[in-house]
C-alpha atoms as a PDB file:
ATOM      1  CA  MET A   1      -0.057   0.025  -0.009  1.00  0.00           C
ATOM      2  CA  SER A   2       1.256   3.391  -0.923  1.00  0.00           C
ATOM      3  CA  GLU A   3       1.858   6.106   1.767  1.00  0.00           C
ATOM      4  CA  VAL A   4      -1.188   8.176   2.751  1.00  0.00           C
ATOM      5  CA  THR A   5      -0.813  11.683   3.374  1.00  0.00           C
ATOM      6  CA  PRO A   6      -2.894  12.489   6.693  1.00  0.00           C
ATOM      7  CA  LEU A   7      -5.277  15.197   7.027  1.00  0.00           C
ATOM      8  CA  THR A   8      -5.345  17.069  10.470  1.00  0.00           C
ATOM      9  CA  VAL A   9      -8.157  17.403  12.727  1.00  0.00           C
ATOM     10  CA  ASN A  10      -8.586  21.034  12.127  1.00  0.00           C
ATOM     11  CA  ASP A  11      -8.027  20.642   8.523  1.00  0.00           C
ATOM     12  CA  PRO A  12     -11.124  22.380   6.703  1.00  0.00           C
ATOM     13  CA  ALA A  13     -10.559  19.649   4.134  1.00  0.00           C
ATOM     14  CA  SER A  14     -11.255  16.888   6.348  1.00  0.00           C
ATOM     15  CA  LEU A  15     -13.829  14.380   5.129  1.00  0.00           C
ATOM     16  CA  ALA A  16     -17.431  14.087   6.127  1.00  0.00           C
ATOM     17  CA  LEU A  17     -18.015  10.342   6.688  1.00  0.00           C
ATOM     18  CA  ALA A  18     -21.349   8.417   7.033  1.00  0.00           C
ATOM     19  CA  VAL A  19     -21.212   4.849   8.589  1.00  0.00           C
ATOM     20  CA  VAL A  20     -23.775   2.422   7.662  1.00  0.00           C
ATOM     21  CA  ASP A  21     -23.974  -0.898   9.315  1.00  0.00           C
ATOM     22  CA  ASP A  22     -26.756  -2.911  11.011  1.00  0.00           C
ATOM     23  CA  THR A  23     -24.757  -3.649  14.131  1.00  0.00           C
ATOM     24  CA  PRO A  24     -24.481  -0.631  16.585  1.00  0.00           C
ATOM     25  CA  ASP A  25     -21.132  -1.961  17.985  1.00  0.00           C
ATOM     26  CA  ILE A  26     -19.407  -2.012  14.629  1.00  0.00           C
ATOM     27  CA  ARG A  27     -20.698   1.399  13.936  1.00  0.00           C
ATOM     28  CA  ALA A  28     -19.383   2.628  17.274  1.00  0.00           C
ATOM     29  CA  LEU A  29     -16.219   1.035  16.535  1.00  0.00           C
ATOM     30  CA  LEU A  30     -15.736   2.499  13.144  1.00  0.00           C
ATOM     31  CA  ARG A  31     -16.991   6.006  14.194  1.00  0.00           C
ATOM     32  CA  MET A  32     -14.069   5.725  16.829  1.00  0.00           C
ATOM     33  CA  ALA A  33     -11.393   4.719  14.452  1.00  0.00           C
ATOM     34  CA  PHE A  34     -12.192   7.219  11.763  1.00  0.00           C
ATOM     35  CA  GLU A  35     -12.644  10.268  13.939  1.00  0.00           C
ATOM     36  CA  ARG A  36      -9.532   9.233  15.992  1.00  0.00           C
ATOM     37  CA  SER A  37      -7.561   9.393  12.680  1.00  0.00           C
ATOM     38  CA  GLY A  38      -8.345  13.107  12.547  1.00  0.00           C
ATOM     39  CA  GLN A  39      -8.854  12.813   8.790  1.00  0.00           C
ATOM     40  CA  TYR A  40     -12.818  12.416   9.099  1.00  0.00           C
ATOM     41  CA  LYS A  41     -15.899  13.656  10.914  1.00  0.00           C
ATOM     42  CA  VAL A  42     -18.753  11.280  11.227  1.00  0.00           C
ATOM     43  CA  VAL A  43     -21.631  13.092   9.976  1.00  0.00           C
ATOM     44  CA  GLY A  44     -24.229  10.559  10.509  1.00  0.00           C
ATOM     45  CA  GLU A  45     -24.977   6.826  10.736  1.00  0.00           C
ATOM     46  CA  ALA A  46     -27.523   4.409   9.572  1.00  0.00           C
ATOM     47  CA  GLU A  47     -28.405   0.822  10.221  1.00  0.00           C
ATOM     48  CA  ASN A  48     -29.870  -0.386   6.769  1.00  0.00           C
ATOM     49  CA  GLY A  49     -29.807   0.663   3.172  1.00  0.00           C
ATOM     50  CA  GLN A  50     -32.955   2.543   3.117  1.00  0.00           C
ATOM     51  CA  ASP A  51     -31.683   4.762   6.032  1.00  0.00           C
ATOM     52  CA  ALA A  52     -28.485   5.140   4.213  1.00  0.00           C
ATOM     53  CA  ILE A  53     -30.199   6.573   1.067  1.00  0.00           C
ATOM     54  CA  GLU A  54     -31.950   9.208   3.369  1.00  0.00           C
ATOM     55  CA  LEU A  55     -28.735   9.854   5.193  1.00  0.00           C
ATOM     56  CA  ALA A  56     -27.323  10.590   1.606  1.00  0.00           C
ATOM     57  CA  GLU A  57     -30.124  12.866   0.670  1.00  0.00           C
ATOM     58  CA  ALA A  58     -29.758  14.765   3.928  1.00  0.00           C
ATOM     59  CA  ARG A  59     -25.768  15.001   4.206  1.00  0.00           C
ATOM     60  CA  CYS A  60     -24.335  14.166   0.958  1.00  0.00           C
ATOM     61  CA  PRO A  61     -21.071  12.970   2.746  1.00  0.00           C
ATOM     62  CA  ASP A  62     -17.837  12.757   1.090  1.00  0.00           C
ATOM     63  CA  VAL A  63     -17.384   9.171   2.079  1.00  0.00           C
ATOM     64  CA  MET A  64     -20.039   6.418   2.812  1.00  0.00           C
ATOM     65  CA  LEU A  65     -19.048   3.072   4.519  1.00  0.00           C
ATOM     66  CA  LEU A  66     -21.837   0.905   3.554  1.00  0.00           C
ATOM     67  CA  ASP A  67     -22.207  -2.710   4.959  1.00  0.00           C
ATOM     68  CA  LEU A  68     -22.798  -5.167   2.293  1.00  0.00           C
ATOM     69  CA  ALA A  69     -25.391  -7.517   4.313  1.00  0.00           C
ATOM     70  CA  MET A  70     -28.095  -5.683   6.078  1.00  0.00           C
ATOM     71  CA  PRO A  71     -31.770  -5.944   6.856  1.00  0.00           C
ATOM     72  CA  VAL A  72     -34.509  -3.889   5.055  1.00  0.00           C
ATOM     73  CA  MET A  73     -32.130  -3.065   2.075  1.00  0.00           C
ATOM     74  CA  ASP A  74     -28.674  -4.431   1.679  1.00  0.00           C
ATOM     75  CA  GLY A  75     -25.591  -2.274   0.660  1.00  0.00           C
ATOM     76  CA  LEU A  76     -25.667  -3.711  -3.081  1.00  0.00           C
ATOM     77  CA  SER A  77     -29.096  -2.366  -3.438  1.00  0.00           C
ATOM     78  CA  ALA A  78     -28.407   0.793  -1.664  1.00  0.00           C
ATOM     79  CA  ALA A  79     -25.139   1.782  -3.422  1.00  0.00           C
ATOM     80  CA  PRO A  80     -26.565   2.838  -6.754  1.00  0.00           C
ATOM     81  CA  LEU A  81     -29.454   4.833  -5.231  1.00  0.00           C
ATOM     82  CA  VAL A  82     -26.692   6.692  -3.149  1.00  0.00           C
ATOM     83  CA  ARG A  83     -24.525   7.304  -5.975  1.00  0.00           C
ATOM     84  CA  GLU A  84     -27.643   8.666  -8.022  1.00  0.00           C
ATOM     85  CA  ARG A  85     -28.296  11.201  -4.922  1.00  0.00           C
ATOM     86  CA  CYS A  86     -24.678  11.938  -4.329  1.00  0.00           C
ATOM     87  CA  PRO A  87     -22.423  11.332  -7.193  1.00  0.00           C
ATOM     88  CA  ASP A  88     -19.388  12.737  -5.505  1.00  0.00           C
ATOM     89  CA  THR A  89     -19.590  10.515  -2.585  1.00  0.00           C
ATOM     90  CA  THR A  90     -17.074   7.987  -2.447  1.00  0.00           C
ATOM     91  CA  ILE A  91     -18.889   4.582  -1.470  1.00  0.00           C
ATOM     92  CA  VAL A  92     -16.765   1.860   0.336  1.00  0.00           C
ATOM     93  CA  MET A  93     -18.537  -1.477   0.794  1.00  0.00           C
ATOM     94  CA  LEU A  94     -17.819  -3.228   4.110  1.00  0.00           C
ATOM     95  CA  SER A  95     -18.085  -6.986   4.419  1.00  0.00           C
ATOM     96  CA  ALA A  96     -17.135  -9.984   6.838  1.00  0.00           C
ATOM     97  CA  PHE A  97     -17.113 -11.979   3.528  1.00  0.00           C
ATOM     98  CA  ASP A  98     -13.751 -11.934   1.410  1.00  0.00           C
ATOM     99  CA  ALA A  99     -14.996 -13.338  -1.944  1.00  0.00           C
ATOM    100  CA  ALA A 100     -13.969 -12.043  -5.406  1.00  0.00           C
ATOM    101  CA  GLU A 101     -17.578 -12.461  -6.593  1.00  0.00           C
ATOM    102  CA  ARG A 102     -18.943 -10.182  -3.788  1.00  0.00           C
ATOM    103  CA  THR A 103     -16.062  -7.537  -4.673  1.00  0.00           C
ATOM    104  CA  ASP A 104     -17.117  -7.638  -8.414  1.00  0.00           C
ATOM    105  CA  ARG A 105     -20.711  -7.271  -7.711  1.00  0.00           C
ATOM    106  CA  ALA A 106     -20.092  -4.377  -5.093  1.00  0.00           C
ATOM    107  CA  LEU A 107     -18.076  -2.440  -7.659  1.00  0.00           C
ATOM    108  CA  ALA A 108     -20.749  -3.036 -10.275  1.00  0.00           C
ATOM    109  CA  THR A 109     -23.277  -1.287  -8.048  1.00  0.00           C
ATOM    110  CA  GLY A 110     -21.082   1.769  -7.983  1.00  0.00           C
ATOM    111  CA  ALA A 111     -18.820   1.349  -4.922  1.00  0.00           C
ATOM    112  CA  HIS A 112     -15.357   2.576  -5.245  1.00  0.00           C
ATOM    113  CA  GLY A 113     -13.827  -0.001  -3.031  1.00  0.00           C
ATOM    114  CA  TYR A 114     -14.679  -3.042  -0.964  1.00  0.00           C
ATOM    115  CA  ILE A 115     -13.093  -3.979   2.220  1.00  0.00           C
ATOM    116  CA  GLN A 116     -13.180  -6.905   4.672  1.00  0.00           C
ATOM    117  CA  LYS A 117     -14.212  -5.907   8.131  1.00  0.00           C
ATOM    118  CA  GLY A 118     -11.694  -8.147   9.942  1.00  0.00           C
ATOM    119  CA  MET A 119      -8.598  -5.969   9.066  1.00  0.00           C
ATOM    120  CA  PRO A 120      -7.140  -3.819  11.676  1.00  0.00           C
ATOM    121  CA  MET A 121      -8.856  -0.586  11.997  1.00  0.00           C
ATOM    122  CA  LYS A 122      -5.629   1.484  11.376  1.00  0.00           C
ATOM    123  CA  LYS A 123      -5.208  -0.466   8.131  1.00  0.00           C
ATOM    124  CA  LEU A 124      -9.110  -0.011   7.378  1.00  0.00           C
ATOM    125  CA  VAL A 125      -8.850   3.756   7.736  1.00  0.00           C
ATOM    126  CA  ALA A 126      -5.702   3.749   5.754  1.00  0.00           C
ATOM    127  CA  THR A 127      -7.230   1.833   2.893  1.00  0.00           C
ATOM    128  CA  VAL A 128     -10.415   4.090   2.806  1.00  0.00           C
ATOM    129  CA  THR A 129      -8.157   6.990   2.649  1.00  0.00           C
ATOM    130  CA  GLU A 130      -6.194   5.634  -0.159  1.00  0.00           C
ATOM    131  CA  ILE A 131      -9.545   4.678  -1.968  1.00  0.00           C
ATOM    132  CA  VAL A 132     -10.500   8.504  -1.520  1.00  0.00           C
ATOM    133  CA  GLN A 133      -7.273   9.625  -2.714  1.00  0.00           C
ATOM    134  CA  SER A 134      -6.988   7.495  -5.805  1.00  0.00           C
ATOM    135  CA  ARG A 135     -10.522   8.594  -6.793  1.00  0.00           C
ATOM    136  CA  ASN A 136      -9.408  12.350  -6.250  1.00  0.00           C
ATOM    137  CA  LEU A 137      -6.326  11.725  -8.285  1.00  0.00           C
ATOM    138  CA  ALA A 138      -8.183  10.250 -11.247  1.00  0.00           C
ATOM    139  CA  ALA A 139     -10.759  13.079 -10.923  1.00  0.00           C
ATOM    140  CA  LEU A 140      -7.893  15.646 -11.327  1.00  0.00           C
ATOM    141  CA  ASP A 141      -6.210  13.694 -14.220  1.00  0.00           C
ATOM    142  CA  LEU A 142      -9.546  13.685 -16.193  1.00  0.00           C
ATOM    143  CA  SER A 143      -9.920  17.431 -15.248  1.00  0.00           C
ATOM    144  CA  ALA A 144      -6.419  18.176 -16.317  1.00  0.00           C
ATOM    145  CA  ARG A 145      -6.975  16.364 -19.692  1.00  0.00           C
ATOM    146  CA  ALA A 146     -10.366  18.181 -20.342  1.00  0.00           C
ATOM    147  CA  GLY A 147      -8.407  21.411 -19.780  1.00  0.00           C
ATOM    148  CA  SER A 148      -5.778  20.521 -22.384  1.00  0.00           C
ATOM    149  CA  TRP A 149      -8.426  19.582 -24.946  1.00  0.00           C
ATOM    150  CA  ARG A 150     -10.244  22.849 -24.291  1.00  0.00           C
ATOM    151  CA  ARG A 151      -6.826  24.810 -25.046  1.00  0.00           C
ATOM    152  CA  SER A 152      -6.325  22.928 -28.070  1.00  0.00           C
ATOM    153  CA  GLY A 153      -9.673  24.110 -29.497  1.00  0.00           C
ATOM    154  CA  ARG A 154     -11.140  20.512 -29.430  1.00  0.00           C
ATOM    155  CA  GLU A 155     -14.199  21.523 -27.034  1.00  0.00           C
ATOM    156  CA  GLY A 156     -16.898  19.055 -27.236  1.00  0.00           C
ATOM    157  CA  ARG A 157     -15.039  16.879 -29.716  1.00  0.00           C
ATOM    158  CA  GLY A 158     -13.031  14.690 -27.185  1.00  0.00           C
ATOM    159  CA  PRO A 159      -9.560  13.717 -27.465  1.00  0.00           C
ATOM    160  CA  ARG A 160      -7.711  13.150 -30.612  1.00  0.00           C
ATOM    161  CA  VAL A 161      -6.155   9.484 -30.803  1.00  0.00           C
ATOM    162  CA  GLU A 162      -2.813  10.702 -30.134  1.00  0.00           C
ATOM    163  CA  ASP A 163      -4.029  12.373 -26.925  1.00  0.00           C
ATOM    164  CA  ARG A 164      -5.119   8.987 -25.390  1.00  0.00           C
END
């Protein structure tokens, strides 16, 4: 894993985080770990996918940790609806299961990452931060490319083959 540059507690760029899991103890543990990191401020919690959608509508957090298996509505069903309401929210799916099929399904629903719950909390926080940063770097790269296309007088026509 690459080095992650931490944000400070008073950094105005610290990230708003929503935690969605049907187990209150897991939510508390995640909240504590992410807030202690100084990089995140938990702005809401939910216990199922339906509540996650309502939380997304109310807060549009920077990051949403979304459990895969929950009652009422699971994370796989909730993720595309959260993305629809908050396209800039980075969705990281959490699960107790480590299976390639589940990872593929989670990513296909619009999640940006899939993490197994059993990893140490410091590593989980660092991995989420890395997912967020890699998504931001990809957006910056696309933005820079779009800027170069505008400067070349190719607005609205996309890149030339040699630009790709």
